[in-house]
Amino acid sequence: MITELATFDIIEGKQSAFEADFKAKALDIISRAEGFIEAEIQQCIETPTKYVLHVKWRTLLDHTKGFRQSDLFKDWRAVLSPYFNTAPVAEHYVKIS
């Protein structure tokens, strides 16, 4: 299992609409992707236009190939892109023992 951490910089004043569309639409879209396990989004206290999305995937390829190259990803971006002030940054992490 891997964790994707994606940071979103949202246009000032669009946070409520972004959150509503994330909960009502984007979360449903990503949850249908092969290898998706769970997701959680958090808003920054100090910079309220900044969000961090935590997504657990079965494998890295489930995210980078399966989801990112699918129609689901196109749908996901269509919902969320209008809110982005800058391009999201995503990185992948594994638990160390």
PDB file of N, CA and C in Angstrom:
ATOM      1  N   MET A   1       0.849  -1.176   0.000  1.00  0.00           N
ATOM      2  CA  MET A   1       0.000   0.000   0.000  1.00  0.00           C
ATOM      3  C   MET A   1       0.893   1.237   0.000  1.00  0.00           C
ATOM      4  N   ILE A   2       0.472   2.260  -0.740  1.00  0.00           N
ATOM      5  CA  ILE A   2       1.196   3.527  -0.771  1.00  0.00           C
ATOM      6  C   ILE A   2       0.219   4.649  -0.442  1.00  0.00           C
ATOM      7  N   THR A   3       0.785   5.786  -0.043  1.00  0.00           N
ATOM      8  CA  THR A   3      -0.025   6.966   0.232  1.00  0.00           C
ATOM      9  C   THR A   3       0.384   8.070  -0.722  1.00  0.00           C
ATOM     10  N   GLU A   4      -0.578   8.606  -1.407  1.00  0.00           N
ATOM     11  CA  GLU A   4      -0.373   9.786  -2.247  1.00  0.00           C
ATOM     12  C   GLU A   4      -0.725  11.007  -1.406  1.00  0.00           C
ATOM     13  N   LEU A   5       0.161  11.992  -1.390  1.00  0.00           N
ATOM     14  CA  LEU A   5      -0.126  13.275  -0.763  1.00  0.00           C
ATOM     15  C   LEU A   5      -0.131  14.316  -1.873  1.00  0.00           C
ATOM     16  N   ALA A   6      -1.274  14.931  -2.074  1.00  0.00           N
ATOM     17  CA  ALA A   6      -1.412  15.956  -3.111  1.00  0.00           C
ATOM     18  C   ALA A   6      -1.782  17.271  -2.454  1.00  0.00           C
ATOM     19  N   THR A   7      -1.084  18.325  -2.831  1.00  0.00           N
ATOM     20  CA  THR A   7      -1.402  19.645  -2.291  1.00  0.00           C
ATOM     21  C   THR A   7      -2.139  20.452  -3.349  1.00  0.00           C
ATOM     22  N   PHE A   8      -3.188  21.119  -2.905  1.00  0.00           N
ATOM     23  CA  PHE A   8      -4.013  21.945  -3.779  1.00  0.00           C
ATOM     24  C   PHE A   8      -3.979  23.380  -3.279  1.00  0.00           C
ATOM     25  N   ASP A   9      -3.717  24.311  -4.178  1.00  0.00           N
ATOM     26  CA  ASP A   9      -3.792  25.745  -3.893  1.00  0.00           C
ATOM     27  C   ASP A   9      -5.059  26.239  -4.587  1.00  0.00           C
ATOM     28  N   ILE A  10      -6.066  26.585  -3.807  1.00  0.00           N
ATOM     29  CA  ILE A  10      -7.391  26.926  -4.326  1.00  0.00           C
ATOM     30  C   ILE A  10      -7.539  28.444  -4.449  1.00  0.00           C
ATOM     31  N   ILE A  11      -8.229  28.873  -5.472  1.00  0.00           N
ATOM     32  CA  ILE A  11      -8.477  30.294  -5.700  1.00  0.00           C
ATOM     33  C   ILE A  11      -9.203  30.883  -4.493  1.00  0.00           C
ATOM     34  N   GLU A  12      -8.702  32.014  -4.025  1.00  0.00           N
ATOM     35  CA  GLU A  12      -9.292  32.717  -2.877  1.00  0.00           C
ATOM     36  C   GLU A  12     -10.791  32.922  -3.086  1.00  0.00           C
ATOM     37  N   GLY A  13     -11.572  32.597  -2.069  1.00  0.00           N
ATOM     38  CA  GLY A  13     -13.019  32.766  -2.125  1.00  0.00           C
ATOM     39  C   GLY A  13     -13.772  31.587  -2.712  1.00  0.00           C
ATOM     40  N   LYS A  14     -13.042  30.597  -3.231  1.00  0.00           N
ATOM     41  CA  LYS A  14     -13.673  29.423  -3.854  1.00  0.00           C
ATOM     42  C   LYS A  14     -13.613  28.181  -2.966  1.00  0.00           C
ATOM     43  N   GLN A  15     -13.140  28.343  -1.725  1.00  0.00           N
ATOM     44  CA  GLN A  15     -12.941  27.181  -0.862  1.00  0.00           C
ATOM     45  C   GLN A  15     -14.234  26.416  -0.591  1.00  0.00           C
ATOM     46  N   SER A  16     -15.308  27.103  -0.286  1.00  0.00           N
ATOM     47  CA  SER A  16     -16.572  26.413   0.037  1.00  0.00           C
ATOM     48  C   SER A  16     -17.095  25.628  -1.154  1.00  0.00           C
ATOM     49  N   ALA A  17     -17.031  26.219  -2.334  1.00  0.00           N
ATOM     50  CA  ALA A  17     -17.488  25.527  -3.541  1.00  0.00           C
ATOM     51  C   ALA A  17     -16.578  24.339  -3.850  1.00  0.00           C
ATOM     52  N   PHE A  18     -15.267  24.520  -3.680  1.00  0.00           N
ATOM     53  CA  PHE A  18     -14.317  23.425  -3.881  1.00  0.00           C
ATOM     54  C   PHE A  18     -14.637  22.263  -2.940  1.00  0.00           C
ATOM     55  N   GLU A  19     -14.818  22.569  -1.670  1.00  0.00           N
ATOM     56  CA  GLU A  19     -15.119  21.525  -0.688  1.00  0.00           C
ATOM     57  C   GLU A  19     -16.417  20.800  -1.024  1.00  0.00           C
ATOM     58  N   ALA A  20     -17.427  21.539  -1.425  1.00  0.00           N
ATOM     59  CA  ALA A  20     -18.717  20.926  -1.772  1.00  0.00           C
ATOM     60  C   ALA A  20     -18.573  20.001  -2.971  1.00  0.00           C
ATOM     61  N   ASP A  21     -17.867  20.457  -4.019  1.00  0.00           N
ATOM     62  CA  ASP A  21     -17.685  19.616  -5.205  1.00  0.00           C
ATOM     63  C   ASP A  21     -16.768  18.434  -4.921  1.00  0.00           C
ATOM     64  N   PHE A  22     -15.790  18.631  -4.054  1.00  0.00           N
ATOM     65  CA  PHE A  22     -14.931  17.508  -3.694  1.00  0.00           C
ATOM     66  C   PHE A  22     -15.761  16.419  -3.027  1.00  0.00           C
ATOM     67  N   LYS A  23     -16.554  16.802  -2.031  1.00  0.00           N
ATOM     68  CA  LYS A  23     -17.360  15.827  -1.284  1.00  0.00           C
ATOM     69  C   LYS A  23     -18.455  15.197  -2.144  1.00  0.00           C
ATOM     70  N   ALA A  24     -19.139  16.007  -2.939  1.00  0.00           N
ATOM     71  CA  ALA A  24     -20.298  15.526  -3.694  1.00  0.00           C
ATOM     72  C   ALA A  24     -19.927  14.809  -4.988  1.00  0.00           C
ATOM     73  N   LYS A  25     -18.790  15.169  -5.602  1.00  0.00           N
ATOM     74  CA  LYS A  25     -18.469  14.628  -6.923  1.00  0.00           C
ATOM     75  C   LYS A  25     -17.109  13.935  -6.989  1.00  0.00           C
ATOM     76  N   ALA A  26     -16.053  14.657  -6.638  1.00  0.00           N
ATOM     77  CA  ALA A  26     -14.696  14.141  -6.847  1.00  0.00           C
ATOM     78  C   ALA A  26     -14.406  12.894  -6.019  1.00  0.00           C
ATOM     79  N   LEU A  27     -14.869  12.868  -4.789  1.00  0.00           N
ATOM     80  CA  LEU A  27     -14.625  11.701  -3.939  1.00  0.00           C
ATOM     81  C   LEU A  27     -15.287  10.452  -4.513  1.00  0.00           C
ATOM     82  N   ASP A  28     -16.477  10.610  -5.056  1.00  0.00           N
ATOM     83  CA  ASP A  28     -17.152   9.476  -5.695  1.00  0.00           C
ATOM     84  C   ASP A  28     -16.368   8.989  -6.906  1.00  0.00           C
ATOM     85  N   ILE A  29     -15.841   9.917  -7.692  1.00  0.00           N
ATOM     86  CA  ILE A  29     -15.094   9.547  -8.898  1.00  0.00           C
ATOM     87  C   ILE A  29     -13.848   8.751  -8.532  1.00  0.00           C
ATOM     88  N   ILE A  30     -13.027   9.287  -7.644  1.00  0.00           N
ATOM     89  CA  ILE A  30     -11.766   8.614  -7.311  1.00  0.00           C
ATOM     90  C   ILE A  30     -12.012   7.283  -6.604  1.00  0.00           C
ATOM     91  N   SER A  31     -13.083   7.186  -5.856  1.00  0.00           N
ATOM     92  CA  SER A  31     -13.353   5.942  -5.121  1.00  0.00           C
ATOM     93  C   SER A  31     -13.697   4.781  -6.048  1.00  0.00           C
ATOM     94  N   ARG A  32     -14.022   5.076  -7.301  1.00  0.00           N
ATOM     95  CA  ARG A  32     -14.320   4.025  -8.279  1.00  0.00           C
ATOM     96  C   ARG A  32     -13.075   3.519  -9.003  1.00  0.00           C
ATOM     97  N   ALA A  33     -11.917   4.121  -8.733  1.00  0.00           N
ATOM     98  CA  ALA A  33     -10.677   3.725  -9.406  1.00  0.00           C
ATOM     99  C   ALA A  33     -10.160   2.398  -8.859  1.00  0.00           C
ATOM    100  N   GLU A  34      -9.620   1.599  -9.747  1.00  0.00           N
ATOM    101  CA  GLU A  34      -9.002   0.328  -9.368  1.00  0.00           C
ATOM    102  C   GLU A  34      -7.844   0.606  -8.411  1.00  0.00           C
ATOM    103  N   GLY A  35      -7.813  -0.093  -7.299  1.00  0.00           N
ATOM    104  CA  GLY A  35      -6.726   0.047  -6.344  1.00  0.00           C
ATOM    105  C   GLY A  35      -6.917   1.132  -5.302  1.00  0.00           C
ATOM    106  N   PHE A  36      -7.988   1.918  -5.429  1.00  0.00           N
ATOM    107  CA  PHE A  36      -8.277   2.950  -4.435  1.00  0.00           C
ATOM    108  C   PHE A  36      -8.669   2.283  -3.122  1.00  0.00           C
ATOM    109  N   ILE A  37      -8.139   2.796  -2.008  1.00  0.00           N
ATOM    110  CA  ILE A  37      -8.490   2.267  -0.688  1.00  0.00           C
ATOM    111  C   ILE A  37      -9.296   3.288   0.100  1.00  0.00           C
ATOM    112  N   GLU A  38      -8.748   4.487   0.286  1.00  0.00           N
ATOM    113  CA  GLU A  38      -9.467   5.530   1.017  1.00  0.00           C
ATOM    114  C   GLU A  38      -8.833   6.884   0.742  1.00  0.00           C
ATOM    115  N   ALA A  39      -9.583   7.933   1.041  1.00  0.00           N
ATOM    116  CA  ALA A  39      -9.076   9.294   0.853  1.00  0.00           C
ATOM    117  C   ALA A  39      -9.592  10.199   1.958  1.00  0.00           C
ATOM    118  N   GLU A  40      -8.779  11.197   2.257  1.00  0.00           N
ATOM    119  CA  GLU A  40      -9.154  12.214   3.243  1.00  0.00           C
ATOM    120  C   GLU A  40      -8.525  13.529   2.796  1.00  0.00           C
ATOM    121  N   ILE A  41      -9.277  14.610   2.886  1.00  0.00           N
ATOM    122  CA  ILE A  41      -8.740  15.924   2.543  1.00  0.00           C
ATOM    123  C   ILE A  41      -8.749  16.804   3.784  1.00  0.00           C
ATOM    124  N   GLN A  42      -7.699  17.608   3.906  1.00  0.00           N
ATOM    125  CA  GLN A  42      -7.571  18.506   5.052  1.00  0.00           C
ATOM    126  C   GLN A  42      -7.249  19.912   4.561  1.00  0.00           C
ATOM    127  N   GLN A  43      -7.790  20.903   5.266  1.00  0.00           N
ATOM    128  CA  GLN A  43      -7.547  22.306   4.948  1.00  0.00           C
ATOM    129  C   GLN A  43      -6.497  22.862   5.906  1.00  0.00           C
ATOM    130  N   CYS A  44      -5.597  23.670   5.385  1.00  0.00           N
ATOM    131  CA  CYS A  44      -4.559  24.294   6.199  1.00  0.00           C
ATOM    132  C   CYS A  44      -5.166  25.392   7.074  1.00  0.00           C
ATOM    133  N   ILE A  45      -4.783  25.415   8.320  1.00  0.00           N
ATOM    134  CA  ILE A  45      -5.272  26.438   9.252  1.00  0.00           C
ATOM    135  C   ILE A  45      -4.642  27.792   8.938  1.00  0.00           C
ATOM    136  N   GLU A  46      -3.318  27.805   8.731  1.00  0.00           N
ATOM    137  CA  GLU A  46      -2.618  29.067   8.497  1.00  0.00           C
ATOM    138  C   GLU A  46      -2.889  29.664   7.116  1.00  0.00           C
ATOM    139  N   THR A  47      -3.090  28.810   6.128  1.00  0.00           N
ATOM    140  CA  THR A  47      -3.346  29.258   4.751  1.00  0.00           C
ATOM    141  C   THR A  47      -4.609  28.558   4.263  1.00  0.00           C
ATOM    142  N   PRO A  48      -5.785  29.136   4.492  1.00  0.00           N
ATOM    143  CA  PRO A  48      -7.053  28.451   4.213  1.00  0.00           C
ATOM    144  C   PRO A  48      -7.316  28.104   2.743  1.00  0.00           C
ATOM    145  N   THR A  49      -6.494  28.602   1.837  1.00  0.00           N
ATOM    146  CA  THR A  49      -6.657  28.230   0.430  1.00  0.00           C
ATOM    147  C   THR A  49      -5.839  26.985   0.081  1.00  0.00           C
ATOM    148  N   LYS A  50      -5.098  26.468   1.044  1.00  0.00           N
ATOM    149  CA  LYS A  50      -4.254  25.300   0.820  1.00  0.00           C
ATOM    150  C   LYS A  50      -4.895  24.054   1.432  1.00  0.00           C
ATOM    151  N   TYR A  51      -4.895  22.976   0.653  1.00  0.00           N
ATOM    152  CA  TYR A  51      -5.462  21.693   1.077  1.00  0.00           C
ATOM    153  C   TYR A  51      -4.450  20.586   0.813  1.00  0.00           C
ATOM    154  N   VAL A  52      -4.523  19.541   1.627  1.00  0.00           N
ATOM    155  CA  VAL A  52      -3.718  18.342   1.411  1.00  0.00           C
ATOM    156  C   VAL A  52      -4.669  17.158   1.306  1.00  0.00           C
ATOM    157  N   LEU A  53      -4.521  16.425   0.219  1.00  0.00           N
ATOM    158  CA  LEU A  53      -5.316  15.222  -0.005  1.00  0.00           C
ATOM    159  C   LEU A  53      -4.442  14.009   0.279  1.00  0.00           C
ATOM    160  N   HIS A  54      -4.925  13.126   1.143  1.00  0.00           N
ATOM    161  CA  HIS A  54      -4.245  11.867   1.458  1.00  0.00           C
ATOM    162  C   HIS A  54      -5.056  10.760   0.780  1.00  0.00           C
ATOM    163  N   VAL A  55      -4.420  10.032  -0.132  1.00  0.00           N
ATOM    164  CA  VAL A  55      -5.108   8.915  -0.795  1.00  0.00           C
ATOM    165  C   VAL A  55      -4.279   7.660  -0.597  1.00  0.00           C
ATOM    166  N   LYS A  56      -4.918   6.620  -0.132  1.00  0.00           N
ATOM    167  CA  LYS A  56      -4.253   5.323  -0.015  1.00  0.00           C
ATOM    168  C   LYS A  56      -4.610   4.499  -1.252  1.00  0.00           C
ATOM    169  N   TRP A  57      -3.555   4.000  -1.898  1.00  0.00           N
ATOM    170  CA  TRP A  57      -3.687   3.159  -3.086  1.00  0.00           C
ATOM    171  C   TRP A  57      -3.070   1.797  -2.795  1.00  0.00           C
ATOM    172  N   ARG A  58      -3.568   0.787  -3.469  1.00  0.00           N
ATOM    173  CA  ARG A  58      -3.004  -0.556  -3.317  1.00  0.00           C
ATOM    174  C   ARG A  58      -1.548  -0.569  -3.808  1.00  0.00           C
ATOM    175  N   THR A  59      -1.301   0.036  -4.988  1.00  0.00           N
ATOM    176  CA  THR A  59       0.053   0.108  -5.546  1.00  0.00           C
ATOM    177  C   THR A  59       0.268   1.478  -6.181  1.00  0.00           C
ATOM    178  N   LEU A  60       1.518   1.818  -6.412  1.00  0.00           N
ATOM    179  CA  LEU A  60       1.846   3.065  -7.103  1.00  0.00           C
ATOM    180  C   LEU A  60       1.248   3.079  -8.506  1.00  0.00           C
ATOM    181  N   LEU A  61       1.320   1.947  -9.199  1.00  0.00           N
ATOM    182  CA  LEU A  61       0.786   1.872 -10.559  1.00  0.00           C
ATOM    183  C   LEU A  61      -0.730   2.042 -10.600  1.00  0.00           C
ATOM    184  N   ASP A  62      -1.415   1.649  -9.538  1.00  0.00           N
ATOM    185  CA  ASP A  62      -2.865   1.885  -9.500  1.00  0.00           C
ATOM    186  C   ASP A  62      -3.160   3.375  -9.625  1.00  0.00           C
ATOM    187  N   HIS A  63      -2.301   4.205  -9.046  1.00  0.00           N
ATOM    188  CA  HIS A  63      -2.502   5.653  -9.162  1.00  0.00           C
ATOM    189  C   HIS A  63      -1.927   6.199 -10.463  1.00  0.00           C
ATOM    190  N   THR A  64      -0.625   5.943 -10.704  1.00  0.00           N
ATOM    191  CA  THR A  64       0.063   6.603 -11.816  1.00  0.00           C
ATOM    192  C   THR A  64      -0.362   6.104 -13.189  1.00  0.00           C
ATOM    193  N   LYS A  65      -0.698   4.864 -13.304  1.00  0.00           N
ATOM    194  CA  LYS A  65      -1.136   4.310 -14.598  1.00  0.00           C
ATOM    195  C   LYS A  65      -2.651   4.120 -14.634  1.00  0.00           C
ATOM    196  N   GLY A  66      -3.159   3.386 -13.640  1.00  0.00           N
ATOM    197  CA  GLY A  66      -4.580   3.052 -13.641  1.00  0.00           C
ATOM    198  C   GLY A  66      -5.485   4.261 -13.576  1.00  0.00           C
ATOM    199  N   PHE A  67      -5.320   5.095 -12.563  1.00  0.00           N
ATOM    200  CA  PHE A  67      -6.204   6.251 -12.397  1.00  0.00           C
ATOM    201  C   PHE A  67      -5.807   7.407 -13.298  1.00  0.00           C
ATOM    202  N   ARG A  68      -4.538   7.778 -13.293  1.00  0.00           N
ATOM    203  CA  ARG A  68      -4.106   8.973 -14.026  1.00  0.00           C
ATOM    204  C   ARG A  68      -4.304   8.853 -15.533  1.00  0.00           C
ATOM    205  N   GLN A  69      -4.375   7.640 -16.059  1.00  0.00           N
ATOM    206  CA  GLN A  69      -4.553   7.453 -17.496  1.00  0.00           C
ATOM    207  C   GLN A  69      -5.972   7.005 -17.851  1.00  0.00           C
ATOM    208  N   SER A  70      -6.902   7.222 -16.935  1.00  0.00           N
ATOM    209  CA  SER A  70      -8.277   6.758 -17.150  1.00  0.00           C
ATOM    210  C   SER A  70      -9.238   7.910 -17.415  1.00  0.00           C
ATOM    211  N   ASP A  71     -10.419   7.550 -17.880  1.00  0.00           N
ATOM    212  CA  ASP A  71     -11.488   8.541 -18.035  1.00  0.00           C
ATOM    213  C   ASP A  71     -11.927   9.085 -16.681  1.00  0.00           C
ATOM    214  N   LEU A  72     -11.806   8.268 -15.638  1.00  0.00           N
ATOM    215  CA  LEU A  72     -12.144   8.749 -14.293  1.00  0.00           C
ATOM    216  C   LEU A  72     -11.284   9.953 -13.922  1.00  0.00           C
ATOM    217  N   PHE A  73      -9.999   9.927 -14.292  1.00  0.00           N
ATOM    218  CA  PHE A  73      -9.116  11.055 -13.984  1.00  0.00           C
ATOM    219  C   PHE A  73      -9.556  12.308 -14.742  1.00  0.00           C
ATOM    220  N   LYS A  74      -9.965  12.131 -15.986  1.00  0.00           N
ATOM    221  CA  LYS A  74     -10.469  13.277 -16.763  1.00  0.00           C
ATOM    222  C   LYS A  74     -11.697  13.877 -16.086  1.00  0.00           C
ATOM    223  N   ASP A  75     -12.574  13.020 -15.603  1.00  0.00           N
ATOM    224  CA  ASP A  75     -13.772  13.493 -14.896  1.00  0.00           C
ATOM    225  C   ASP A  75     -13.393  14.207 -13.601  1.00  0.00           C
ATOM    226  N   TRP A  76     -12.441  13.631 -12.873  1.00  0.00           N
ATOM    227  CA  TRP A  76     -11.943  14.200 -11.615  1.00  0.00           C
ATOM    228  C   TRP A  76     -11.399  15.605 -11.855  1.00  0.00           C
ATOM    229  N   ARG A  77     -10.545  15.721 -12.875  1.00  0.00           N
ATOM    230  CA  ARG A  77      -9.952  17.033 -13.173  1.00  0.00           C
ATOM    231  C   ARG A  77     -11.002  18.031 -13.643  1.00  0.00           C
ATOM    232  N   ALA A  78     -11.995  17.578 -14.376  1.00  0.00           N
ATOM    233  CA  ALA A  78     -13.053  18.486 -14.837  1.00  0.00           C
ATOM    234  C   ALA A  78     -13.806  19.094 -13.659  1.00  0.00           C
ATOM    235  N   VAL A  79     -13.979  18.322 -12.605  1.00  0.00           N
ATOM    236  CA  VAL A  79     -14.670  18.816 -11.408  1.00  0.00           C
ATOM    237  C   VAL A  79     -13.788  19.787 -10.628  1.00  0.00           C
ATOM    238  N   LEU A  80     -12.519  19.444 -10.440  1.00  0.00           N
ATOM    239  CA  LEU A  80     -11.661  20.202  -9.523  1.00  0.00           C
ATOM    240  C   LEU A  80     -10.821  21.305 -10.159  1.00  0.00           C
ATOM    241  N   SER A  81     -10.429  21.145 -11.405  1.00  0.00           N
ATOM    242  CA  SER A  81      -9.525  22.113 -12.044  1.00  0.00           C
ATOM    243  C   SER A  81      -9.989  23.561 -11.999  1.00  0.00           C
ATOM    244  N   PRO A  82     -11.281  23.845 -12.124  1.00  0.00           N
ATOM    245  CA  PRO A  82     -11.696  25.254 -12.076  1.00  0.00           C
ATOM    246  C   PRO A  82     -11.355  25.959 -10.761  1.00  0.00           C
ATOM    247  N   TYR A  83     -11.045  25.202  -9.726  1.00  0.00           N
ATOM    248  CA  TYR A  83     -10.737  25.786  -8.424  1.00  0.00           C
ATOM    249  C   TYR A  83      -9.239  25.984  -8.186  1.00  0.00           C
ATOM    250  N   PHE A  84      -8.390  25.396  -9.035  1.00  0.00           N
ATOM    251  CA  PHE A  84      -6.950  25.426  -8.802  1.00  0.00           C
ATOM    252  C   PHE A  84      -6.348  26.780  -9.158  1.00  0.00           C
ATOM    253  N   ASN A  85      -5.635  27.364  -8.207  1.00  0.00           N
ATOM    254  CA  ASN A  85      -4.878  28.590  -8.445  1.00  0.00           C
ATOM    255  C   ASN A  85      -3.559  28.254  -9.137  1.00  0.00           C
ATOM    256  N   THR A  86      -2.981  27.118  -8.760  1.00  0.00           N
ATOM    257  CA  THR A  86      -1.765  26.585  -9.377  1.00  0.00           C
ATOM    258  C   THR A  86      -1.961  25.084  -9.559  1.00  0.00           C
ATOM    259  N   ALA A  87      -1.097  24.488 -10.352  1.00  0.00           N
ATOM    260  CA  ALA A  87      -1.193  23.044 -10.584  1.00  0.00           C
ATOM    261  C   ALA A  87      -0.930  22.281  -9.287  1.00  0.00           C
ATOM    262  N   PRO A  88      -1.712  21.242  -9.019  1.00  0.00           N
ATOM    263  CA  PRO A  88      -1.480  20.426  -7.820  1.00  0.00           C
ATOM    264  C   PRO A  88      -0.114  19.738  -7.878  1.00  0.00           C
ATOM    265  N   VAL A  89       0.413  19.435  -6.714  1.00  0.00           N
ATOM    266  CA  VAL A  89       1.660  18.682  -6.601  1.00  0.00           C
ATOM    267  C   VAL A  89       1.336  17.399  -5.854  1.00  0.00           C
ATOM    268  N   ALA A  90       1.698  16.254  -6.455  1.00  0.00           N
ATOM    269  CA  ALA A  90       1.427  14.961  -5.825  1.00  0.00           C
ATOM    270  C   ALA A  90       2.730  14.190  -5.660  1.00  0.00           C
ATOM    271  N   GLU A  91       2.886  13.583  -4.488  1.00  0.00           N
ATOM    272  CA  GLU A  91       4.032  12.731  -4.207  1.00  0.00           C
ATOM    273  C   GLU A  91       3.522  11.469  -3.525  1.00  0.00           C
ATOM    274  N   HIS A  92       4.337  10.420  -3.580  1.00  0.00           N
ATOM    275  CA  HIS A  92       3.927   9.119  -3.067  1.00  0.00           C
ATOM    276  C   HIS A  92       4.856   8.673  -1.941  1.00  0.00           C
ATOM    277  N   TYR A  93       4.272   8.056  -0.929  1.00  0.00           N
ATOM    278  CA  TYR A  93       5.007   7.662   0.270  1.00  0.00           C
ATOM    279  C   TYR A  93       4.674   6.224   0.649  1.00  0.00           C
ATOM    280  N   VAL A  94       5.644   5.582   1.292  1.00  0.00           N
ATOM    281  CA  VAL A  94       5.433   4.246   1.851  1.00  0.00           C
ATOM    282  C   VAL A  94       5.752   4.292   3.333  1.00  0.00           C
ATOM    283  N   LYS A  95       5.080   3.457   4.077  1.00  0.00           N
ATOM    284  CA  LYS A  95       5.324   3.358   5.519  1.00  0.00           C
ATOM    285  C   LYS A  95       6.653   2.645   5.741  1.00  0.00           C
ATOM    286  N   ILE A  96       7.441   3.188   6.642  1.00  0.00           N
ATOM    287  CA  ILE A  96       8.704   2.522   6.961  1.00  0.00           C
ATOM    288  C   ILE A  96       8.544   1.751   8.265  1.00  0.00           C
ATOM    289  N   SER A  97       9.355   0.714   8.399  1.00  0.00           N
ATOM    290  CA  SER A  97       9.239  -0.090   9.620  1.00  0.00           C
ATOM    291  C   SER A  97      10.514  -0.045  10.419  1.00  0.00           C
TER     292      SER A  97
END
